[in-house]
Amino acid sequence: MIAKSTFVVSLERATELLAARGYEPVLPVESSFLARYIPVHLVGLRGDYEMLGVKIRAAYGSVSEPYVESFCRFEICQFRSLLTMNPGNVFIRCEVWVISPNGSIHCYEVLPDSIREVAAYAR
């Protein structure tokens, strides 16, 4: 039997959390509009007009807002550039999910000028 990588296990767990938050998980399609601007790990849809894009990172230390702003600065910049575009009649939410060394998942929503923790899930 081949052992799953830590990232694959985390991705499966994150997919379950996405569904628990009321989003229908869909596979990110490489040829989609969103993939041209930012490759995401997870995409969730709620209703006809709301989309949540998620990037996942594994942290090396304790997770806090300053740590996430520094550690995930590239992902945050990508999401902020996406948020400045006009998506039409679709409401786009962008989040960075950081997995702490103890396995907890911290969900941070990316806003135009800041980030805020919207959820945290312990093992």
PDB file of N, CA and C in Angstrom:
ATOM      1  N   MET A   1       0.837  -1.177   0.000  1.00  0.00           N
ATOM      2  CA  MET A   1       0.000   0.000   0.000  1.00  0.00           C
ATOM      3  C   MET A   1       0.883   1.242   0.000  1.00  0.00           C
ATOM      4  N   ILE A   2       0.527   2.219  -0.791  1.00  0.00           N
ATOM      5  CA  ILE A   2       1.281   3.462  -0.882  1.00  0.00           C
ATOM      6  C   ILE A   2       0.680   4.482   0.078  1.00  0.00           C
ATOM      7  N   ALA A   3       1.519   5.073   0.903  1.00  0.00           N
ATOM      8  CA  ALA A   3       1.058   6.079   1.859  1.00  0.00           C
ATOM      9  C   ALA A   3       0.741   7.377   1.128  1.00  0.00           C
ATOM     10  N   LYS A   4      -0.330   8.028   1.556  1.00  0.00           N
ATOM     11  CA  LYS A   4      -0.696   9.316   0.970  1.00  0.00           C
ATOM     12  C   LYS A   4       0.203  10.403   1.540  1.00  0.00           C
ATOM     13  N   SER A   5       0.494  11.383   0.711  1.00  0.00           N
ATOM     14  CA  SER A   5       1.297  12.499   1.196  1.00  0.00           C
ATOM     15  C   SER A   5       0.478  13.342   2.169  1.00  0.00           C
ATOM     16  N   THR A   6       1.164  14.087   2.983  1.00  0.00           N
ATOM     17  CA  THR A   6       0.499  14.948   3.959  1.00  0.00           C
ATOM     18  C   THR A   6      -0.408  15.951   3.264  1.00  0.00           C
ATOM     19  N   PHE A   7       0.044  16.474   2.109  1.00  0.00           N
ATOM     20  CA  PHE A   7      -0.765  17.464   1.405  1.00  0.00           C
ATOM     21  C   PHE A   7      -2.057  16.846   0.880  1.00  0.00           C
ATOM     22  N   VAL A   8      -1.988  15.638   0.353  1.00  0.00           N
ATOM     23  CA  VAL A   8      -3.189  14.974  -0.172  1.00  0.00           C
ATOM     24  C   VAL A   8      -4.185  14.721   0.947  1.00  0.00           C
ATOM     25  N   VAL A   9      -3.691  14.282   2.098  1.00  0.00           N
ATOM     26  CA  VAL A   9      -4.569  14.059   3.246  1.00  0.00           C
ATOM     27  C   VAL A   9      -5.197  15.384   3.685  1.00  0.00           C
ATOM     28  N   SER A  10      -4.403  16.444   3.724  1.00  0.00           N
ATOM     29  CA  SER A  10      -4.918  17.761   4.105  1.00  0.00           C
ATOM     30  C   SER A  10      -5.938  18.262   3.099  1.00  0.00           C
ATOM     31  N   LEU A  11      -5.708  18.012   1.826  1.00  0.00           N
ATOM     32  CA  LEU A  11      -6.642  18.435   0.782  1.00  0.00           C
ATOM     33  C   LEU A  11      -7.974  17.706   0.912  1.00  0.00           C
ATOM     34  N   GLU A  12      -7.921  16.415   1.222  1.00  0.00           N
ATOM     35  CA  GLU A  12      -9.157  15.657   1.426  1.00  0.00           C
ATOM     36  C   GLU A  12      -9.923  16.193   2.632  1.00  0.00           C
ATOM     37  N   ARG A  13      -9.211  16.473   3.708  1.00  0.00           N
ATOM     38  CA  ARG A  13      -9.852  17.024   4.907  1.00  0.00           C
ATOM     39  C   ARG A  13     -10.428  18.413   4.639  1.00  0.00           C
ATOM     40  N   ALA A  14      -9.696  19.235   3.878  1.00  0.00           N
ATOM     41  CA  ALA A  14     -10.169  20.572   3.541  1.00  0.00           C
ATOM     42  C   ALA A  14     -11.416  20.499   2.663  1.00  0.00           C
ATOM     43  N   THR A  15     -11.479  19.523   1.770  1.00  0.00           N
ATOM     44  CA  THR A  15     -12.665  19.351   0.928  1.00  0.00           C
ATOM     45  C   THR A  15     -13.885  19.042   1.784  1.00  0.00           C
ATOM     46  N   GLU A  16     -13.706  18.207   2.803  1.00  0.00           N
ATOM     47  CA  GLU A  16     -14.804  17.905   3.722  1.00  0.00           C
ATOM     48  C   GLU A  16     -15.242  19.157   4.482  1.00  0.00           C
ATOM     49  N   LEU A  17     -14.272  19.989   4.894  1.00  0.00           N
ATOM     50  CA  LEU A  17     -14.607  21.230   5.608  1.00  0.00           C
ATOM     51  C   LEU A  17     -15.341  22.208   4.704  1.00  0.00           C
ATOM     52  N   LEU A  18     -14.954  22.245   3.437  1.00  0.00           N
ATOM     53  CA  LEU A  18     -15.628  23.119   2.478  1.00  0.00           C
ATOM     54  C   LEU A  18     -17.101  22.737   2.374  1.00  0.00           C
ATOM     55  N   ALA A  19     -17.368  21.439   2.299  1.00  0.00           N
ATOM     56  CA  ALA A  19     -18.751  20.964   2.235  1.00  0.00           C
ATOM     57  C   ALA A  19     -19.485  21.256   3.538  1.00  0.00           C
ATOM     58  N   ALA A  20     -18.798  21.125   4.668  1.00  0.00           N
ATOM     59  CA  ALA A  20     -19.420  21.404   5.964  1.00  0.00           C
ATOM     60  C   ALA A  20     -19.803  22.875   6.105  1.00  0.00           C
ATOM     61  N   ARG A  21     -19.091  23.763   5.404  1.00  0.00           N
ATOM     62  CA  ARG A  21     -19.412  25.194   5.444  1.00  0.00           C
ATOM     63  C   ARG A  21     -20.512  25.572   4.463  1.00  0.00           C
ATOM     64  N   GLY A  22     -21.085  24.589   3.783  1.00  0.00           N
ATOM     65  CA  GLY A  22     -22.231  24.845   2.909  1.00  0.00           C
ATOM     66  C   GLY A  22     -21.899  25.054   1.453  1.00  0.00           C
ATOM     67  N   TYR A  23     -20.676  24.760   1.043  1.00  0.00           N
ATOM     68  CA  TYR A  23     -20.270  24.914  -0.352  1.00  0.00           C
ATOM     69  C   TYR A  23     -20.228  23.556  -1.032  1.00  0.00           C
ATOM     70  N   GLU A  24     -20.573  23.530  -2.290  1.00  0.00           N
ATOM     71  CA  GLU A  24     -20.453  22.316  -3.082  1.00  0.00           C
ATOM     72  C   GLU A  24     -19.059  22.290  -3.696  1.00  0.00           C
ATOM     73  N   PRO A  25     -18.209  21.352  -3.261  1.00  0.00           N
ATOM     74  CA  PRO A  25     -16.848  21.310  -3.815  1.00  0.00           C
ATOM     75  C   PRO A  25     -16.866  20.922  -5.293  1.00  0.00           C
ATOM     76  N   VAL A  26     -16.102  21.649  -6.084  1.00  0.00           N
ATOM     77  CA  VAL A  26     -15.925  21.308  -7.498  1.00  0.00           C
ATOM     78  C   VAL A  26     -14.425  21.289  -7.781  1.00  0.00           C
ATOM     79  N   LEU A  27     -14.032  20.487  -8.729  1.00  0.00           N
ATOM     80  CA  LEU A  27     -12.619  20.431  -9.086  1.00  0.00           C
ATOM     81  C   LEU A  27     -12.224  21.689  -9.835  1.00  0.00           C
ATOM     82  N   PRO A  28     -11.141  22.323  -9.450  1.00  0.00           N
ATOM     83  CA  PRO A  28     -10.665  23.472 -10.228  1.00  0.00           C
ATOM     84  C   PRO A  28     -10.257  22.991 -11.623  1.00  0.00           C
ATOM     85  N   VAL A  29     -10.789  23.639 -12.631  1.00  0.00           N
ATOM     86  CA  VAL A  29     -10.500  23.265 -14.009  1.00  0.00           C
ATOM     87  C   VAL A  29      -9.409  24.188 -14.534  1.00  0.00           C
ATOM     88  N   GLU A  30      -8.363  23.601 -15.091  1.00  0.00           N
ATOM     89  CA  GLU A  30      -7.216  24.399 -15.533  1.00  0.00           C
ATOM     90  C   GLU A  30      -7.551  25.360 -16.657  1.00  0.00           C
ATOM     91  N   SER A  31      -8.599  25.079 -17.424  1.00  0.00           N
ATOM     92  CA  SER A  31      -8.949  25.953 -18.537  1.00  0.00           C
ATOM     93  C   SER A  31     -10.016  26.980 -18.164  1.00  0.00           C
ATOM     94  N   SER A  32     -10.369  27.065 -16.862  1.00  0.00           N
ATOM     95  CA  SER A  32     -11.422  27.995 -16.461  1.00  0.00           C
ATOM     96  C   SER A  32     -10.901  29.430 -16.409  1.00  0.00           C
ATOM     97  N   PHE A  33     -11.825  30.379 -16.321  1.00  0.00           N
ATOM     98  CA  PHE A  33     -11.497  31.800 -16.209  1.00  0.00           C
ATOM     99  C   PHE A  33     -10.573  32.044 -15.025  1.00  0.00           C
ATOM    100  N   LEU A  34     -10.905  31.451 -13.879  1.00  0.00           N
ATOM    101  CA  LEU A  34     -10.143  31.677 -12.656  1.00  0.00           C
ATOM    102  C   LEU A  34      -8.717  31.148 -12.768  1.00  0.00           C
ATOM    103  N   ALA A  35      -8.540  30.000 -13.397  1.00  0.00           N
ATOM    104  CA  ALA A  35      -7.211  29.374 -13.475  1.00  0.00           C
ATOM    105  C   ALA A  35      -6.225  30.217 -14.278  1.00  0.00           C
ATOM    106  N   ARG A  36      -6.727  31.082 -15.146  1.00  0.00           N
ATOM    107  CA  ARG A  36      -5.822  31.951 -15.905  1.00  0.00           C
ATOM    108  C   ARG A  36      -5.172  32.995 -15.007  1.00  0.00           C
ATOM    109  N   TYR A  37      -5.803  33.305 -13.880  1.00  0.00           N
ATOM    110  CA  TYR A  37      -5.302  34.354 -12.991  1.00  0.00           C
ATOM    111  C   TYR A  37      -4.638  33.804 -11.736  1.00  0.00           C
ATOM    112  N   ILE A  38      -5.188  32.738 -11.184  1.00  0.00           N
ATOM    113  CA  ILE A  38      -4.627  32.165  -9.962  1.00  0.00           C
ATOM    114  C   ILE A  38      -5.007  30.690  -9.875  1.00  0.00           C
ATOM    115  N   PRO A  39      -4.020  29.826  -9.764  1.00  0.00           N
ATOM    116  CA  PRO A  39      -4.345  28.406  -9.573  1.00  0.00           C
ATOM    117  C   PRO A  39      -4.774  28.177  -8.122  1.00  0.00           C
ATOM    118  N   VAL A  40      -5.948  27.638  -7.915  1.00  0.00           N
ATOM    119  CA  VAL A  40      -6.458  27.387  -6.572  1.00  0.00           C
ATOM    120  C   VAL A  40      -6.459  25.887  -6.299  1.00  0.00           C
ATOM    121  N   HIS A  41      -6.456  25.539  -5.030  1.00  0.00           N
ATOM    122  CA  HIS A  41      -6.493  24.131  -4.648  1.00  0.00           C
ATOM    123  C   HIS A  41      -7.916  23.621  -4.544  1.00  0.00           C
ATOM    124  N   LEU A  42      -8.837  24.472  -4.079  1.00  0.00           N
ATOM    125  CA  LEU A  42     -10.234  24.092  -3.929  1.00  0.00           C
ATOM    126  C   LEU A  42     -11.133  25.208  -4.427  1.00  0.00           C
ATOM    127  N   VAL A  43     -12.261  24.805  -4.974  1.00  0.00           N
ATOM    128  CA  VAL A  43     -13.301  25.752  -5.363  1.00  0.00           C
ATOM    129  C   VAL A  43     -14.617  25.214  -4.830  1.00  0.00           C
ATOM    130  N   GLY A  44     -15.370  26.094  -4.197  1.00  0.00           N
ATOM    131  CA  GLY A  44     -16.684  25.717  -3.693  1.00  0.00           C
ATOM    132  C   GLY A  44     -17.733  26.660  -4.243  1.00  0.00           C
ATOM    133  N   LEU A  45     -18.883  26.109  -4.568  1.00  0.00           N
ATOM    134  CA  LEU A  45     -19.995  26.911  -5.068  1.00  0.00           C
ATOM    135  C   LEU A  45     -21.152  26.827  -4.088  1.00  0.00           C
ATOM    136  N   ARG A  46     -21.816  27.970  -3.892  1.00  0.00           N
ATOM    137  CA  ARG A  46     -23.021  28.028  -3.066  1.00  0.00           C
ATOM    138  C   ARG A  46     -24.070  28.770  -3.876  1.00  0.00           C
ATOM    139  N   GLY A  47     -25.128  28.086  -4.189  1.00  0.00           N
ATOM    140  CA  GLY A  47     -26.166  28.697  -5.014  1.00  0.00           C
ATOM    141  C   GLY A  47     -25.655  28.926  -6.420  1.00  0.00           C
ATOM    142  N   ASP A  48     -26.258  29.901  -7.098  1.00  0.00           N
ATOM    143  CA  ASP A  48     -25.887  30.177  -8.488  1.00  0.00           C
ATOM    144  C   ASP A  48     -24.823  31.255  -8.626  1.00  0.00           C
ATOM    145  N   TYR A  49     -24.608  32.054  -7.590  1.00  0.00           N
ATOM    146  CA  TYR A  49     -23.784  33.244  -7.775  1.00  0.00           C
ATOM    147  C   TYR A  49     -22.647  33.425  -6.776  1.00  0.00           C
ATOM    148  N   GLU A  50     -22.367  32.441  -5.935  1.00  0.00           N
ATOM    149  CA  GLU A  50     -21.295  32.615  -4.955  1.00  0.00           C
ATOM    150  C   GLU A  50     -20.239  31.534  -5.141  1.00  0.00           C
ATOM    151  N   MET A  51     -18.968  31.972  -5.196  1.00  0.00           N
ATOM    152  CA  MET A  51     -17.839  31.068  -5.362  1.00  0.00           C
ATOM    153  C   MET A  51     -16.794  31.360  -4.301  1.00  0.00           C
ATOM    154  N   LEU A  52     -16.221  30.298  -3.741  1.00  0.00           N
ATOM    155  CA  LEU A  52     -15.138  30.424  -2.779  1.00  0.00           C
ATOM    156  C   LEU A  52     -13.908  29.733  -3.354  1.00  0.00           C
ATOM    157  N   GLY A  53     -12.834  30.504  -3.523  1.00  0.00           N
ATOM    158  CA  GLY A  53     -11.568  29.948  -3.980  1.00  0.00           C
ATOM    159  C   GLY A  53     -10.629  29.816  -2.793  1.00  0.00           C
ATOM    160  N   VAL A  54      -9.958  28.665  -2.684  1.00  0.00           N
ATOM    161  CA  VAL A  54      -9.116  28.379  -1.525  1.00  0.00           C
ATOM    162  C   VAL A  54      -7.715  27.967  -1.971  1.00  0.00           C
ATOM    163  N   LYS A  55      -6.719  28.575  -1.343  1.00  0.00           N
ATOM    164  CA  LYS A  55      -5.323  28.130  -1.457  1.00  0.00           C
ATOM    165  C   LYS A  55      -4.939  27.553  -0.097  1.00  0.00           C
ATOM    166  N   ILE A  56      -4.196  26.456  -0.113  1.00  0.00           N
ATOM    167  CA  ILE A  56      -3.825  25.769   1.119  1.00  0.00           C
ATOM    168  C   ILE A  56      -2.311  25.842   1.296  1.00  0.00           C
ATOM    169  N   ARG A  57      -1.888  26.165   2.516  1.00  0.00           N
ATOM    170  CA  ARG A  57      -0.455  26.199   2.848  1.00  0.00           C
ATOM    171  C   ARG A  57      -0.251  25.479   4.177  1.00  0.00           C
ATOM    172  N   ALA A  58       0.872  24.827   4.345  1.00  0.00           N
ATOM    173  CA  ALA A  58       1.238  24.177   5.604  1.00  0.00           C
ATOM    174  C   ALA A  58       2.215  25.086   6.343  1.00  0.00           C
ATOM    175  N   ALA A  59       1.864  25.465   7.558  1.00  0.00           N
ATOM    176  CA  ALA A  59       2.688  26.379   8.350  1.00  0.00           C
ATOM    177  C   ALA A  59       3.802  25.624   9.058  1.00  0.00           C
ATOM    178  N   TYR A  60       4.864  26.354   9.377  1.00  0.00           N
ATOM    179  CA  TYR A  60       5.997  25.789  10.100  1.00  0.00           C
ATOM    180  C   TYR A  60       6.057  26.260  11.541  1.00  0.00           C
ATOM    181  N   GLY A  61       5.177  27.181  11.902  1.00  0.00           N
ATOM    182  CA  GLY A  61       5.150  27.717  13.256  1.00  0.00           C
ATOM    183  C   GLY A  61       3.723  27.983  13.678  1.00  0.00           C
ATOM    184  N   SER A  62       3.560  28.638  14.814  1.00  0.00           N
ATOM    185  CA  SER A  62       2.220  28.959  15.286  1.00  0.00           C
ATOM    186  C   SER A  62       1.566  29.946  14.321  1.00  0.00           C
ATOM    187  N   VAL A  63       0.268  29.786  14.128  1.00  0.00           N
ATOM    188  CA  VAL A  63      -0.455  30.559  13.128  1.00  0.00           C
ATOM    189  C   VAL A  63      -1.109  31.779  13.771  1.00  0.00           C
ATOM    190  N   SER A  64      -0.847  32.951  13.186  1.00  0.00           N
ATOM    191  CA  SER A  64      -1.456  34.207  13.606  1.00  0.00           C
ATOM    192  C   SER A  64      -1.614  35.071  12.355  1.00  0.00           C
ATOM    193  N   GLU A  65      -2.371  36.153  12.471  1.00  0.00           N
ATOM    194  CA  GLU A  65      -2.552  37.027  11.299  1.00  0.00           C
ATOM    195  C   GLU A  65      -1.228  37.560  10.759  1.00  0.00           C
ATOM    196  N   PRO A  66      -0.330  38.091  11.610  1.00  0.00           N
ATOM    197  CA  PRO A  66       0.954  38.566  11.065  1.00  0.00           C
ATOM    198  C   PRO A  66       1.746  37.452  10.376  1.00  0.00           C
ATOM    199  N   TYR A  67       1.719  36.248  10.951  1.00  0.00           N
ATOM    200  CA  TYR A  67       2.430  35.119  10.343  1.00  0.00           C
ATOM    201  C   TYR A  67       1.836  34.803   8.969  1.00  0.00           C
ATOM    202  N   VAL A  68       0.519  34.744   8.879  1.00  0.00           N
ATOM    203  CA  VAL A  68      -0.143  34.418   7.610  1.00  0.00           C
ATOM    204  C   VAL A  68       0.110  35.511   6.581  1.00  0.00           C
ATOM    205  N   GLU A  69       0.043  36.784   6.987  1.00  0.00           N
ATOM    206  CA  GLU A  69       0.304  37.881   6.050  1.00  0.00           C
ATOM    207  C   GLU A  69       1.706  37.794   5.463  1.00  0.00           C
ATOM    208  N   SER A  70       2.662  37.340   6.241  1.00  0.00           N
ATOM    209  CA  SER A  70       4.025  37.205   5.746  1.00  0.00           C
ATOM    210  C   SER A  70       4.226  35.896   4.978  1.00  0.00           C
ATOM    211  N   PHE A  71       3.795  34.797   5.573  1.00  0.00           N
ATOM    212  CA  PHE A  71       4.015  33.468   5.008  1.00  0.00           C
ATOM    213  C   PHE A  71       3.252  33.249   3.703  1.00  0.00           C
ATOM    214  N   CYS A  72       2.063  33.833   3.582  1.00  0.00           N
ATOM    215  CA  CYS A  72       1.198  33.627   2.409  1.00  0.00           C
ATOM    216  C   CYS A  72       1.071  34.888   1.561  1.00  0.00           C
ATOM    217  N   ARG A  73       2.065  35.762   1.588  1.00  0.00           N
ATOM    218  CA  ARG A  73       1.953  37.047   0.898  1.00  0.00           C
ATOM    219  C   ARG A  73       1.728  36.893  -0.605  1.00  0.00           C
ATOM    220  N   PHE A  74       2.345  35.902  -1.222  1.00  0.00           N
ATOM    221  CA  PHE A  74       2.166  35.707  -2.659  1.00  0.00           C
ATOM    222  C   PHE A  74       0.724  35.319  -2.982  1.00  0.00           C
ATOM    223  N   GLU A  75       0.157  34.382  -2.226  1.00  0.00           N
ATOM    224  CA  GLU A  75      -1.230  33.958  -2.434  1.00  0.00           C
ATOM    225  C   GLU A  75      -2.200  35.103  -2.165  1.00  0.00           C
ATOM    226  N   ILE A  76      -1.918  35.887  -1.123  1.00  0.00           N
ATOM    227  CA  ILE A  76      -2.781  37.020  -0.787  1.00  0.00           C
ATOM    228  C   ILE A  76      -2.755  38.048  -1.912  1.00  0.00           C
ATOM    229  N   CYS A  77      -1.586  38.336  -2.463  1.00  0.00           N
ATOM    230  CA  CYS A  77      -1.480  39.285  -3.587  1.00  0.00           C
ATOM    231  C   CYS A  77      -2.229  38.766  -4.813  1.00  0.00           C
ATOM    232  N   GLN A  78      -2.123  37.474  -5.085  1.00  0.00           N
ATOM    233  CA  GLN A  78      -2.861  36.900  -6.217  1.00  0.00           C
ATOM    234  C   GLN A  78      -4.360  37.071  -6.020  1.00  0.00           C
ATOM    235  N   PHE A  79      -4.846  36.753  -4.831  1.00  0.00           N
ATOM    236  CA  PHE A  79      -6.275  36.883  -4.564  1.00  0.00           C
ATOM    237  C   PHE A  79      -6.724  38.342  -4.630  1.00  0.00           C
ATOM    238  N   ARG A  80      -5.921  39.258  -4.126  1.00  0.00           N
ATOM    239  CA  ARG A  80      -6.305  40.680  -4.168  1.00  0.00           C
ATOM    240  C   ARG A  80      -6.392  41.185  -5.596  1.00  0.00           C
ATOM    241  N   SER A  81      -5.504  40.734  -6.454  1.00  0.00           N
ATOM    242  CA  SER A  81      -5.597  41.150  -7.860  1.00  0.00           C
ATOM    243  C   SER A  81      -6.855  40.565  -8.501  1.00  0.00           C
ATOM    244  N   LEU A  82      -7.224  39.362  -8.104  1.00  0.00           N
ATOM    245  CA  LEU A  82      -8.460  38.762  -8.608  1.00  0.00           C
ATOM    246  C   LEU A  82      -9.681  39.540  -8.130  1.00  0.00           C
ATOM    247  N   LEU A  83      -9.655  39.973  -6.872  1.00  0.00           N
ATOM    248  CA  LEU A  83     -10.792  40.700  -6.311  1.00  0.00           C
ATOM    249  C   LEU A  83     -11.004  42.063  -6.963  1.00  0.00           C
ATOM    250  N   THR A  84      -9.955  42.639  -7.579  1.00  0.00           N
ATOM    251  CA  THR A  84     -10.114  43.949  -8.221  1.00  0.00           C
ATOM    252  C   THR A  84     -10.777  43.850  -9.589  1.00  0.00           C
ATOM    253  N   MET A  85     -10.835  42.645 -10.146  1.00  0.00           N
ATOM    254  CA  MET A  85     -11.479  42.464 -11.448  1.00  0.00           C
ATOM    255  C   MET A  85     -12.989  42.446 -11.283  1.00  0.00           C
ATOM    256  N   ASN A  86     -13.693  42.743 -12.351  1.00  0.00           N
ATOM    257  CA  ASN A  86     -15.145  42.722 -12.331  1.00  0.00           C
ATOM    258  C   ASN A  86     -15.621  41.329 -12.728  1.00  0.00           C
ATOM    259  N   PRO A  87     -16.127  40.546 -11.767  1.00  0.00           N
ATOM    260  CA  PRO A  87     -16.549  39.189 -12.100  1.00  0.00           C
ATOM    261  C   PRO A  87     -17.962  39.110 -12.673  1.00  0.00           C
ATOM    262  N   GLY A  88     -18.585  40.243 -12.942  1.00  0.00           N
ATOM    263  CA  GLY A  88     -19.965  40.216 -13.438  1.00  0.00           C
ATOM    264  C   GLY A  88     -20.916  40.044 -12.279  1.00  0.00           C
ATOM    265  N   ASN A  89     -21.842  39.123 -12.402  1.00  0.00           N
ATOM    266  CA  ASN A  89     -22.853  38.946 -11.363  1.00  0.00           C
ATOM    267  C   ASN A  89     -22.501  37.810 -10.398  1.00  0.00           C
ATOM    268  N   VAL A  90     -21.222  37.446 -10.306  1.00  0.00           N
ATOM    269  CA  VAL A  90     -20.775  36.385  -9.409  1.00  0.00           C
ATOM    270  C   VAL A  90     -20.082  37.007  -8.200  1.00  0.00           C
ATOM    271  N   PHE A  91     -20.435  36.528  -7.013  1.00  0.00           N
ATOM    272  CA  PHE A  91     -19.796  36.983  -5.782  1.00  0.00           C
ATOM    273  C   PHE A  91     -18.628  36.044  -5.500  1.00  0.00           C
ATOM    274  N   ILE A  92     -17.406  36.570  -5.536  1.00  0.00           N
ATOM    275  CA  ILE A  92     -16.207  35.764  -5.332  1.00  0.00           C
ATOM    276  C   ILE A  92     -15.632  36.039  -3.945  1.00  0.00           C
ATOM    277  N   ARG A  93     -15.419  34.959  -3.201  1.00  0.00           N
ATOM    278  CA  ARG A  93     -14.724  35.041  -1.915  1.00  0.00           C
ATOM    279  C   ARG A  93     -13.423  34.286  -2.065  1.00  0.00           C
ATOM    280  N   CYS A  94     -12.375  34.802  -1.463  1.00  0.00           N
ATOM    281  CA  CYS A  94     -11.050  34.175  -1.539  1.00  0.00           C
ATOM    282  C   CYS A  94     -10.536  33.938  -0.130  1.00  0.00           C
ATOM    283  N   GLU A  95     -10.037  32.736   0.104  1.00  0.00           N
ATOM    284  CA  GLU A  95      -9.506  32.405   1.420  1.00  0.00           C
ATOM    285  C   GLU A  95      -8.194  31.646   1.293  1.00  0.00           C
ATOM    286  N   VAL A  96      -7.321  31.885   2.250  1.00  0.00           N
ATOM    287  CA  VAL A  96      -6.090  31.117   2.416  1.00  0.00           C
ATOM    288  C   VAL A  96      -6.296  30.250   3.645  1.00  0.00           C
ATOM    289  N   TRP A  97      -6.127  28.943   3.479  1.00  0.00           N
ATOM    290  CA  TRP A  97      -6.259  28.017   4.607  1.00  0.00           C
ATOM    291  C   TRP A  97      -4.869  27.547   4.988  1.00  0.00           C
ATOM    292  N   VAL A  98      -4.503  27.801   6.236  1.00  0.00           N
ATOM    293  CA  VAL A  98      -3.173  27.467   6.727  1.00  0.00           C
ATOM    294  C   VAL A  98      -3.298  26.324   7.726  1.00  0.00           C
ATOM    295  N   ILE A  99      -2.546  25.259   7.467  1.00  0.00           N
ATOM    296  CA  ILE A  99      -2.564  24.090   8.344  1.00  0.00           C
ATOM    297  C   ILE A  99      -1.395  24.216   9.304  1.00  0.00           C
ATOM    298  N   SER A 100      -1.713  24.301  10.584  1.00  0.00           N
ATOM    299  CA  SER A 100      -0.675  24.474  11.604  1.00  0.00           C
ATOM    300  C   SER A 100       0.032  23.139  11.853  1.00  0.00           C
ATOM    301  N   PRO A 101       1.185  23.186  12.521  1.00  0.00           N
ATOM    302  CA  PRO A 101       1.926  21.948  12.785  1.00  0.00           C
ATOM    303  C   PRO A 101       1.130  20.902  13.575  1.00  0.00           C
ATOM    304  N   ASN A 102       0.151  21.325  14.373  1.00  0.00           N
ATOM    305  CA  ASN A 102      -0.652  20.365  15.133  1.00  0.00           C
ATOM    306  C   ASN A 102      -1.847  19.838  14.339  1.00  0.00           C
ATOM    307  N   GLY A 103      -1.982  20.257  13.073  1.00  0.00           N
ATOM    308  CA  GLY A 103      -3.040  19.742  12.209  1.00  0.00           C
ATOM    309  C   GLY A 103      -4.294  20.592  12.134  1.00  0.00           C
ATOM    310  N   SER A 104      -4.374  21.663  12.909  1.00  0.00           N
ATOM    311  CA  SER A 104      -5.536  22.555  12.839  1.00  0.00           C
ATOM    312  C   SER A 104      -5.516  23.322  11.524  1.00  0.00           C
ATOM    313  N   ILE A 105      -6.707  23.581  10.997  1.00  0.00           N
ATOM    314  CA  ILE A 105      -6.822  24.362   9.767  1.00  0.00           C
ATOM    315  C   ILE A 105      -7.392  25.728  10.123  1.00  0.00           C
ATOM    316  N   HIS A 106      -6.645  26.776   9.795  1.00  0.00           N
ATOM    317  CA  HIS A 106      -7.068  28.151  10.044  1.00  0.00           C
ATOM    318  C   HIS A 106      -7.454  28.772   8.709  1.00  0.00           C
ATOM    319  N   CYS A 107      -8.682  29.284   8.629  1.00  0.00           N
ATOM    320  CA  CYS A 107      -9.209  29.852   7.388  1.00  0.00           C
ATOM    321  C   CYS A 107      -9.198  31.374   7.474  1.00  0.00           C
ATOM    322  N   TYR A 108      -8.482  32.011   6.547  1.00  0.00           N
ATOM    323  CA  TYR A 108      -8.373  33.466   6.515  1.00  0.00           C
ATOM    324  C   TYR A 108      -8.984  33.989   5.223  1.00  0.00           C
ATOM    325  N   GLU A 109      -9.968  34.877   5.368  1.00  0.00           N
ATOM    326  CA  GLU A 109     -10.562  35.522   4.194  1.00  0.00           C
ATOM    327  C   GLU A 109      -9.648  36.661   3.752  1.00  0.00           C
ATOM    328  N   VAL A 110      -9.411  36.743   2.450  1.00  0.00           N
ATOM    329  CA  VAL A 110      -8.587  37.811   1.894  1.00  0.00           C
ATOM    330  C   VAL A 110      -9.509  38.958   1.499  1.00  0.00           C
ATOM    331  N   LEU A 111      -9.282  40.111   2.108  1.00  0.00           N
ATOM    332  CA  LEU A 111     -10.047  41.315   1.827  1.00  0.00           C
ATOM    333  C   LEU A 111      -9.148  42.270   1.039  1.00  0.00           C
ATOM    334  N   PRO A 112      -9.696  43.311   0.429  1.00  0.00           N
ATOM    335  CA  PRO A 112      -8.860  44.210  -0.377  1.00  0.00           C
ATOM    336  C   PRO A 112      -7.672  44.827   0.353  1.00  0.00           C
ATOM    337  N   ASP A 113      -7.794  45.052   1.670  1.00  0.00           N
ATOM    338  CA  ASP A 113      -6.693  45.702   2.380  1.00  0.00           C
ATOM    339  C   ASP A 113      -6.239  44.967   3.640  1.00  0.00           C
ATOM    340  N   SER A 114      -6.803  43.797   3.899  1.00  0.00           N
ATOM    341  CA  SER A 114      -6.427  43.049   5.101  1.00  0.00           C
ATOM    342  C   SER A 114      -6.850  41.588   4.952  1.00  0.00           C
ATOM    343  N   ILE A 115      -6.588  40.821   5.994  1.00  0.00           N
ATOM    344  CA  ILE A 115      -7.106  39.469   6.072  1.00  0.00           C
ATOM    345  C   ILE A 115      -7.794  39.322   7.416  1.00  0.00           C
ATOM    346  N   ARG A 116      -8.711  38.367   7.512  1.00  0.00           N
ATOM    347  CA  ARG A 116      -9.344  38.109   8.809  1.00  0.00           C
ATOM    348  C   ARG A 116      -9.637  36.625   8.931  1.00  0.00           C
ATOM    349  N   GLU A 117      -9.447  36.111  10.120  1.00  0.00           N
ATOM    350  CA  GLU A 117      -9.711  34.700  10.361  1.00  0.00           C
ATOM    351  C   GLU A 117     -11.218  34.489  10.452  1.00  0.00           C
ATOM    352  N   VAL A 118     -11.733  33.608   9.610  1.00  0.00           N
ATOM    353  CA  VAL A 118     -13.177  33.363   9.594  1.00  0.00           C
ATOM    354  C   VAL A 118     -13.543  32.036  10.233  1.00  0.00           C
ATOM    355  N   ALA A 119     -12.585  31.132  10.353  1.00  0.00           N
ATOM    356  CA  ALA A 119     -12.857  29.838  10.968  1.00  0.00           C
ATOM    357  C   ALA A 119     -11.549  29.159  11.328  1.00  0.00           C
ATOM    358  N   ALA A 120     -11.626  28.259  12.300  1.00  0.00           N
ATOM    359  CA  ALA A 120     -10.484  27.424  12.657  1.00  0.00           C
ATOM    360  C   ALA A 120     -11.043  26.055  13.039  1.00  0.00           C
ATOM    361  N   TYR A 121     -10.451  25.026  12.502  1.00  0.00           N
ATOM    362  CA  TYR A 121     -10.909  23.663  12.729  1.00  0.00           C
ATOM    363  C   TYR A 121      -9.774  22.845  13.321  1.00  0.00           C
ATOM    364  N   ALA A 122     -10.014  22.289  14.518  1.00  0.00           N
ATOM    365  CA  ALA A 122      -9.025  21.420  15.151  1.00  0.00           C
ATOM    366  C   ALA A 122      -9.282  19.988  14.710  1.00  0.00           C
ATOM    367  N   ARG A 123      -8.273  19.189  14.848  1.00  0.00           N
ATOM    368  CA  ARG A 123      -8.431  17.775  14.513  1.00  0.00           C
ATOM    369  C   ARG A 123      -9.341  17.086  15.450  1.00  0.00           C
TER     370      ARG A 123
END
